[in-house]
Amino acid sequence: MEIVLNRADMLIWAYPFWNVPNVLLIIVFGYLTFHVVAFWVHDMKKMRSKLTTVGTIYGLALVGVLVFGVGLMWI
């Protein structure tokens, strides 16, 4: 889908390595990691483990926003 959107100029890939010959990078790092973690969290037995894992992911995202957005003003 991303290739179709890119070909129609509806999606712009900002980096040269994030382009058609390297679509595997998009699949592995963009989609596969998300789905693996989502399945892993779904299969956890205890709700506390699920909340801890999802909370850790949100915490890392928040740290990234604070460091790169507020601190370094990259975002």
PDB file of N, CA and C in Angstrom:
ATOM      1  N   MET A   1       0.827  -1.178   0.000  1.00  0.00           N
ATOM      2  CA  MET A   1       0.000   0.000   0.000  1.00  0.00           C
ATOM      3  C   MET A   1       0.877   1.250   0.000  1.00  0.00           C
ATOM      4  N   GLU A   2       1.943   1.223   0.766  1.00  0.00           N
ATOM      5  CA  GLU A   2       2.800   2.406   0.821  1.00  0.00           C
ATOM      6  C   GLU A   2       3.470   2.673  -0.518  1.00  0.00           C
ATOM      7  N   ILE A   3       3.800   1.619  -1.232  1.00  0.00           N
ATOM      8  CA  ILE A   3       4.400   1.803  -2.560  1.00  0.00           C
ATOM      9  C   ILE A   3       3.396   2.457  -3.503  1.00  0.00           C
ATOM     10  N   VAL A   4       2.144   2.006  -3.448  1.00  0.00           N
ATOM     11  CA  VAL A   4       1.096   2.597  -4.295  1.00  0.00           C
ATOM     12  C   VAL A   4       0.900   4.068  -3.937  1.00  0.00           C
ATOM     13  N   LEU A   5       0.824   4.368  -2.649  1.00  0.00           N
ATOM     14  CA  LEU A   5       0.663   5.761  -2.226  1.00  0.00           C
ATOM     15  C   LEU A   5       1.858   6.616  -2.633  1.00  0.00           C
ATOM     16  N   ASN A   6       3.050   6.064  -2.535  1.00  0.00           N
ATOM     17  CA  ASN A   6       4.245   6.803  -2.935  1.00  0.00           C
ATOM     18  C   ASN A   6       4.256   7.063  -4.438  1.00  0.00           C
ATOM     19  N   ARG A   7       3.882   6.071  -5.204  1.00  0.00           N
ATOM     20  CA  ARG A   7       3.833   6.234  -6.673  1.00  0.00           C
ATOM     21  C   ARG A   7       2.793   7.284  -7.082  1.00  0.00           C
ATOM     22  N   ALA A   8       1.727   7.434  -6.302  1.00  0.00           N
ATOM     23  CA  ALA A   8       0.671   8.406  -6.606  1.00  0.00           C
ATOM     24  C   ALA A   8       0.979   9.784  -5.998  1.00  0.00           C
ATOM     25  N   ASP A   9       2.175   9.958  -5.451  1.00  0.00           N
ATOM     26  CA  ASP A   9       2.586  11.212  -4.790  1.00  0.00           C
ATOM     27  C   ASP A   9       1.672  11.597  -3.641  1.00  0.00           C
ATOM     28  N   MET A  10       1.117  10.593  -2.981  1.00  0.00           N
ATOM     29  CA  MET A  10       0.283  10.837  -1.810  1.00  0.00           C
ATOM     30  C   MET A  10       1.036  10.540  -0.524  1.00  0.00           C
ATOM     31  N   LEU A  11       2.210   9.937  -0.638  1.00  0.00           N
ATOM     32  CA  LEU A  11       3.057   9.617   0.506  1.00  0.00           C
ATOM     33  C   LEU A  11       4.493   9.902   0.095  1.00  0.00           C
ATOM     34  N   ILE A  12       5.167  10.708   0.855  1.00  0.00           N
ATOM     35  CA  ILE A  12       6.538  11.083   0.535  1.00  0.00           C
ATOM     36  C   ILE A  12       7.479  10.414   1.518  1.00  0.00           C
ATOM     37  N   TRP A  13       8.442   9.677   1.005  1.00  0.00           N
ATOM     38  CA  TRP A  13       9.492   9.106   1.831  1.00  0.00           C
ATOM     39  C   TRP A  13      10.630  10.105   1.881  1.00  0.00           C
ATOM     40  N   ALA A  14      10.961  10.580   3.064  1.00  0.00           N
ATOM     41  CA  ALA A  14      11.925  11.672   3.222  1.00  0.00           C
ATOM     42  C   ALA A  14      13.371  11.219   3.092  1.00  0.00           C
ATOM     43  N   TYR A  15      13.643   9.937   3.274  1.00  0.00           N
ATOM     44  CA  TYR A  15      15.019   9.460   3.253  1.00  0.00           C
ATOM     45  C   TYR A  15      15.240   8.567   2.045  1.00  0.00           C
ATOM     46  N   PRO A  16      16.393   8.654   1.396  1.00  0.00           N
ATOM     47  CA  PRO A  16      16.640   7.848   0.195  1.00  0.00           C
ATOM     48  C   PRO A  16      16.671   6.345   0.474  1.00  0.00           C
ATOM     49  N   PHE A  17      17.096   5.929   1.671  1.00  0.00           N
ATOM     50  CA  PHE A  17      17.140   4.504   1.982  1.00  0.00           C
ATOM     51  C   PHE A  17      15.758   3.942   2.284  1.00  0.00           C
ATOM     52  N   TRP A  18      14.781   4.820   2.494  1.00  0.00           N
ATOM     53  CA  TRP A  18      13.412   4.409   2.830  1.00  0.00           C
ATOM     54  C   TRP A  18      12.593   4.494   1.551  1.00  0.00           C
ATOM     55  N   ASN A  19      12.997   3.698   0.555  1.00  0.00           N
ATOM     56  CA  ASN A  19      12.381   3.799  -0.752  1.00  0.00           C
ATOM     57  C   ASN A  19      12.161   2.422  -1.345  1.00  0.00           C
ATOM     58  N   VAL A  20      11.746   2.350  -2.583  1.00  0.00           N
ATOM     59  CA  VAL A  20      11.299   1.112  -3.207  1.00  0.00           C
ATOM     60  C   VAL A  20      12.299  -0.046  -3.116  1.00  0.00           C
ATOM     61  N   PRO A  21      13.589   0.117  -3.347  1.00  0.00           N
ATOM     62  CA  PRO A  21      14.429  -1.085  -3.239  1.00  0.00           C
ATOM     63  C   PRO A  21      14.525  -1.623  -1.809  1.00  0.00           C
ATOM     64  N   ASN A  22      14.241  -0.809  -0.836  1.00  0.00           N
ATOM     65  CA  ASN A  22      14.389  -1.199   0.571  1.00  0.00           C
ATOM     66  C   ASN A  22      13.054  -1.323   1.284  1.00  0.00           C
ATOM     67  N   VAL A  23      12.052  -1.804   0.607  1.00  0.00           N
ATOM     68  CA  VAL A  23      10.726  -1.942   1.208  1.00  0.00           C
ATOM     69  C   VAL A  23      10.758  -2.909   2.384  1.00  0.00           C
ATOM     70  N   LEU A  24      11.700  -3.837   2.379  1.00  0.00           N
ATOM     71  CA  LEU A  24      11.840  -4.776   3.493  1.00  0.00           C
ATOM     72  C   LEU A  24      12.092  -4.038   4.804  1.00  0.00           C
ATOM     73  N   LEU A  25      12.808  -2.922   4.761  1.00  0.00           N
ATOM     74  CA  LEU A  25      13.029  -2.116   5.970  1.00  0.00           C
ATOM     75  C   LEU A  25      11.706  -1.612   6.541  1.00  0.00           C
ATOM     76  N   ILE A  26      10.812  -1.173   5.661  1.00  0.00           N
ATOM     77  CA  ILE A  26       9.510  -0.683   6.106  1.00  0.00           C
ATOM     78  C   ILE A  26       8.721  -1.814   6.756  1.00  0.00           C
ATOM     79  N   ILE A  27       8.761  -2.983   6.124  1.00  0.00           N
ATOM     80  CA  ILE A  27       8.002  -4.123   6.645  1.00  0.00           C
ATOM     81  C   ILE A  27       8.559  -4.569   7.992  1.00  0.00           C
ATOM     82  N   VAL A  28       9.877  -4.739   8.083  1.00  0.00           N
ATOM     83  CA  VAL A  28      10.484  -5.262   9.311  1.00  0.00           C
ATOM     84  C   VAL A  28      10.433  -4.253  10.451  1.00  0.00           C
ATOM     85  N   PHE A  29      10.901  -3.034  10.201  1.00  0.00           N
ATOM     86  CA  PHE A  29      10.997  -2.058  11.282  1.00  0.00           C
ATOM     87  C   PHE A  29       9.725  -1.255  11.481  1.00  0.00           C
ATOM     88  N   GLY A  30       8.891  -1.154  10.470  1.00  0.00           N
ATOM     89  CA  GLY A  30       7.682  -0.367  10.592  1.00  0.00           C
ATOM     90  C   GLY A  30       6.474  -1.157  11.034  1.00  0.00           C
ATOM     91  N   TYR A  31       6.331  -2.372  10.515  1.00  0.00           N
ATOM     92  CA  TYR A  31       5.120  -3.137  10.786  1.00  0.00           C
ATOM     93  C   TYR A  31       5.367  -4.386  11.619  1.00  0.00           C
ATOM     94  N   LEU A  32       6.398  -5.141  11.302  1.00  0.00           N
ATOM     95  CA  LEU A  32       6.623  -6.421  11.974  1.00  0.00           C
ATOM     96  C   LEU A  32       6.865  -6.243  13.468  1.00  0.00           C
ATOM     97  N   THR A  33       7.693  -5.268  13.837  1.00  0.00           N
ATOM     98  CA  THR A  33       7.983  -5.071  15.261  1.00  0.00           C
ATOM     99  C   THR A  33       6.715  -4.710  16.035  1.00  0.00           C
ATOM    100  N   PHE A  34       5.873  -3.863  15.448  1.00  0.00           N
ATOM    101  CA  PHE A  34       4.614  -3.506  16.105  1.00  0.00           C
ATOM    102  C   PHE A  34       3.735  -4.734  16.305  1.00  0.00           C
ATOM    103  N   HIS A  35       3.584  -5.533  15.265  1.00  0.00           N
ATOM    104  CA  HIS A  35       2.695  -6.694  15.353  1.00  0.00           C
ATOM    105  C   HIS A  35       3.239  -7.756  16.304  1.00  0.00           C
ATOM    106  N   VAL A  36       4.539  -7.969  16.307  1.00  0.00           N
ATOM    107  CA  VAL A  36       5.128  -8.951  17.230  1.00  0.00           C
ATOM    108  C   VAL A  36       4.861  -8.542  18.670  1.00  0.00           C
ATOM    109  N   VAL A  37       5.089  -7.282  19.006  1.00  0.00           N
ATOM    110  CA  VAL A  37       4.860  -6.818  20.373  1.00  0.00           C
ATOM    111  C   VAL A  37       3.373  -6.829  20.703  1.00  0.00           C
ATOM    112  N   ALA A  38       2.521  -6.468  19.746  1.00  0.00           N
ATOM    113  CA  ALA A  38       1.074  -6.491  19.993  1.00  0.00           C
ATOM    114  C   ALA A  38       0.585  -7.912  20.280  1.00  0.00           C
ATOM    115  N   PHE A  39       1.059  -8.886  19.511  1.00  0.00           N
ATOM    116  CA  PHE A  39       0.685 -10.288  19.759  1.00  0.00           C
ATOM    117  C   PHE A  39       1.237 -10.765  21.094  1.00  0.00           C
ATOM    118  N   TRP A  40       2.461 -10.352  21.413  1.00  0.00           N
ATOM    119  CA  TRP A  40       3.102 -10.761  22.670  1.00  0.00           C
ATOM    120  C   TRP A  40       2.308 -10.225  23.860  1.00  0.00           C
ATOM    121  N   VAL A  41       1.914  -8.949  23.805  1.00  0.00           N
ATOM    122  CA  VAL A  41       1.139  -8.358  24.900  1.00  0.00           C
ATOM    123  C   VAL A  41      -0.231  -9.022  24.983  1.00  0.00           C
ATOM    124  N   HIS A  42      -0.848  -9.280  23.864  1.00  0.00           N
ATOM    125  CA  HIS A  42      -2.168  -9.919  23.857  1.00  0.00           C
ATOM    126  C   HIS A  42      -2.118 -11.301  24.510  1.00  0.00           C
ATOM    127  N   ASP A  43      -1.036 -12.023  24.315  1.00  0.00           N
ATOM    128  CA  ASP A  43      -0.914 -13.383  24.846  1.00  0.00           C
ATOM    129  C   ASP A  43      -0.448 -13.443  26.296  1.00  0.00           C
ATOM    130  N   MET A  44      -0.128 -12.305  26.894  1.00  0.00           N
ATOM    131  CA  MET A  44       0.292 -12.315  28.296  1.00  0.00           C
ATOM    132  C   MET A  44      -0.870 -12.752  29.187  1.00  0.00           C
ATOM    133  N   LYS A  45      -0.559 -13.489  30.241  1.00  0.00           N
ATOM    134  CA  LYS A  45      -1.591 -14.038  31.121  1.00  0.00           C
ATOM    135  C   LYS A  45      -2.164 -12.987  32.077  1.00  0.00           C
ATOM    136  N   LYS A  46      -1.293 -12.178  32.667  1.00  0.00           N
ATOM    137  CA  LYS A  46      -1.714 -11.232  33.706  1.00  0.00           C
ATOM    138  C   LYS A  46      -1.926  -9.833  33.136  1.00  0.00           C
ATOM    139  N   MET A  47      -2.993  -9.208  33.567  1.00  0.00           N
ATOM    140  CA  MET A  47      -3.294  -7.838  33.146  1.00  0.00           C
ATOM    141  C   MET A  47      -2.192  -6.883  33.611  1.00  0.00           C
ATOM    142  N   ARG A  48      -1.614  -7.163  34.776  1.00  0.00           N
ATOM    143  CA  ARG A  48      -0.530  -6.307  35.288  1.00  0.00           C
ATOM    144  C   ARG A  48       0.663  -6.312  34.336  1.00  0.00           C
ATOM    145  N   SER A  49       0.992  -7.472  33.770  1.00  0.00           N
ATOM    146  CA  SER A  49       2.093  -7.571  32.809  1.00  0.00           C
ATOM    147  C   SER A  49       1.779  -6.787  31.541  1.00  0.00           C
ATOM    148  N   LYS A  50       0.549  -6.886  31.097  1.00  0.00           N
ATOM    149  CA  LYS A  50       0.137  -6.140  29.908  1.00  0.00           C
ATOM    150  C   LYS A  50       0.263  -4.641  30.134  1.00  0.00           C
ATOM    151  N   LEU A  51      -0.254  -4.179  31.278  1.00  0.00           N
ATOM    152  CA  LEU A  51      -0.202  -2.748  31.579  1.00  0.00           C
ATOM    153  C   LEU A  51       1.224  -2.254  31.771  1.00  0.00           C
ATOM    154  N   THR A  52       2.062  -3.078  32.392  1.00  0.00           N
ATOM    155  CA  THR A  52       3.462  -2.700  32.578  1.00  0.00           C
ATOM    156  C   THR A  52       4.173  -2.565  31.233  1.00  0.00           C
ATOM    157  N   THR A  53       3.950  -3.519  30.338  1.00  0.00           N
ATOM    158  CA  THR A  53       4.602  -3.483  29.033  1.00  0.00           C
ATOM    159  C   THR A  53       4.138  -2.288  28.208  1.00  0.00           C
ATOM    160  N   VAL A  54       2.832  -2.084  28.149  1.00  0.00           N
ATOM    161  CA  VAL A  54       2.305  -0.955  27.381  1.00  0.00           C
ATOM    162  C   VAL A  54       2.720   0.370  28.025  1.00  0.00           C
ATOM    163  N   GLY A  55       2.725   0.432  29.342  1.00  0.00           N
ATOM    164  CA  GLY A  55       3.181   1.635  30.035  1.00  0.00           C
ATOM    165  C   GLY A  55       4.646   1.934  29.767  1.00  0.00           C
ATOM    166  N   THR A  56       5.460   0.893  29.690  1.00  0.00           N
ATOM    167  CA  THR A  56       6.881   1.079  29.373  1.00  0.00           C
ATOM    168  C   THR A  56       7.053   1.637  27.960  1.00  0.00           C
ATOM    169  N   ILE A  57       6.271   1.121  27.023  1.00  0.00           N
ATOM    170  CA  ILE A  57       6.351   1.621  25.644  1.00  0.00           C
ATOM    171  C   ILE A  57       5.948   3.094  25.591  1.00  0.00           C
ATOM    172  N   TYR A  58       4.844   3.438  26.254  1.00  0.00           N
ATOM    173  CA  TYR A  58       4.425   4.842  26.296  1.00  0.00           C
ATOM    174  C   TYR A  58       5.459   5.714  27.009  1.00  0.00           C
ATOM    175  N   GLY A  59       6.060   5.185  28.058  1.00  0.00           N
ATOM    176  CA  GLY A  59       7.093   5.934  28.780  1.00  0.00           C
ATOM    177  C   GLY A  59       8.304   6.221  27.906  1.00  0.00           C
ATOM    178  N   LEU A  60       8.733   5.224  27.139  1.00  0.00           N
ATOM    179  CA  LEU A  60       9.862   5.436  26.221  1.00  0.00           C
ATOM    180  C   LEU A  60       9.511   6.460  25.152  1.00  0.00           C
ATOM    181  N   ALA A  61       8.288   6.401  24.652  1.00  0.00           N
ATOM    182  CA  ALA A  61       7.854   7.392  23.663  1.00  0.00           C
ATOM    183  C   ALA A  61       7.851   8.794  24.261  1.00  0.00           C
ATOM    184  N   LEU A  62       7.382   8.916  25.499  1.00  0.00           N
ATOM    185  CA  LEU A  62       7.369  10.213  26.168  1.00  0.00           C
ATOM    186  C   LEU A  62       8.778  10.743  26.385  1.00  0.00           C
ATOM    187  N   VAL A  63       9.685   9.877  26.799  1.00  0.00           N
ATOM    188  CA  VAL A  63      11.087  10.289  26.963  1.00  0.00           C
ATOM    189  C   VAL A  63      11.653  10.764  25.622  1.00  0.00           C
ATOM    190  N   GLY A  64      11.342  10.040  24.539  1.00  0.00           N
ATOM    191  CA  GLY A  64      11.803  10.453  23.213  1.00  0.00           C
ATOM    192  C   GLY A  64      11.272  11.813  22.811  1.00  0.00           C
ATOM    193  N   VAL A  65       9.996  12.059  23.076  1.00  0.00           N
ATOM    194  CA  VAL A  65       9.408  13.367  22.750  1.00  0.00           C
ATOM    195  C   VAL A  65      10.064  14.463  23.573  1.00  0.00           C
ATOM    196  N   LEU A  66      10.293  14.192  24.858  1.00  0.00           N
ATOM    197  CA  LEU A  66      10.918  15.212  25.714  1.00  0.00           C
ATOM    198  C   LEU A  66      12.351  15.501  25.305  1.00  0.00           C
ATOM    199  N   VAL A  67      13.109  14.443  25.018  1.00  0.00           N
ATOM    200  CA  VAL A  67      14.523  14.637  24.648  1.00  0.00           C
ATOM    201  C   VAL A  67      14.643  15.278  23.275  1.00  0.00           C
ATOM    202  N   PHE A  68      13.989  14.665  22.274  1.00  0.00           N
ATOM    203  CA  PHE A  68      14.177  15.132  20.898  1.00  0.00           C
ATOM    204  C   PHE A  68      13.278  16.304  20.536  1.00  0.00           C
ATOM    205  N   GLY A  69      12.112  16.393  21.140  1.00  0.00           N
ATOM    206  CA  GLY A  69      11.209  17.490  20.824  1.00  0.00           C
ATOM    207  C   GLY A  69      11.466  18.729  21.648  1.00  0.00           C
ATOM    208  N   VAL A  70      11.413  18.557  22.964  1.00  0.00           N
ATOM    209  CA  VAL A  70      11.566  19.721  23.860  1.00  0.00           C
ATOM    210  C   VAL A  70      13.041  20.077  24.043  1.00  0.00           C
ATOM    211  N   GLY A  71      13.863  19.057  24.336  1.00  0.00           N
ATOM    212  CA  GLY A  71      15.270  19.330  24.626  1.00  0.00           C
ATOM    213  C   GLY A  71      16.089  19.761  23.407  1.00  0.00           C
ATOM    214  N   LEU A  72      16.065  18.944  22.360  1.00  0.00           N
ATOM    215  CA  LEU A  72      16.890  19.225  21.183  1.00  0.00           C
ATOM    216  C   LEU A  72      16.152  19.992  20.099  1.00  0.00           C
ATOM    217  N   MET A  73      14.834  20.135  20.250  1.00  0.00           N
ATOM    218  CA  MET A  73      13.973  20.829  19.293  1.00  0.00           C
ATOM    219  C   MET A  73      14.104  20.262  17.880  1.00  0.00           C
ATOM    220  N   TRP A  74      14.184  18.933  17.764  1.00  0.00           N
ATOM    221  CA  TRP A  74      14.238  18.273  16.458  1.00  0.00           C
ATOM    222  C   TRP A  74      12.855  18.052  15.891  1.00  0.00           C
ATOM    223  N   ILE A  75      11.835  18.033  16.760  1.00  0.00           N
ATOM    224  CA  ILE A  75      10.485  17.768  16.293  1.00  0.00           C
ATOM    225  C   ILE A  75       9.736  19.070  16.179  1.00  0.00           C
TER     226      ILE A  75
END
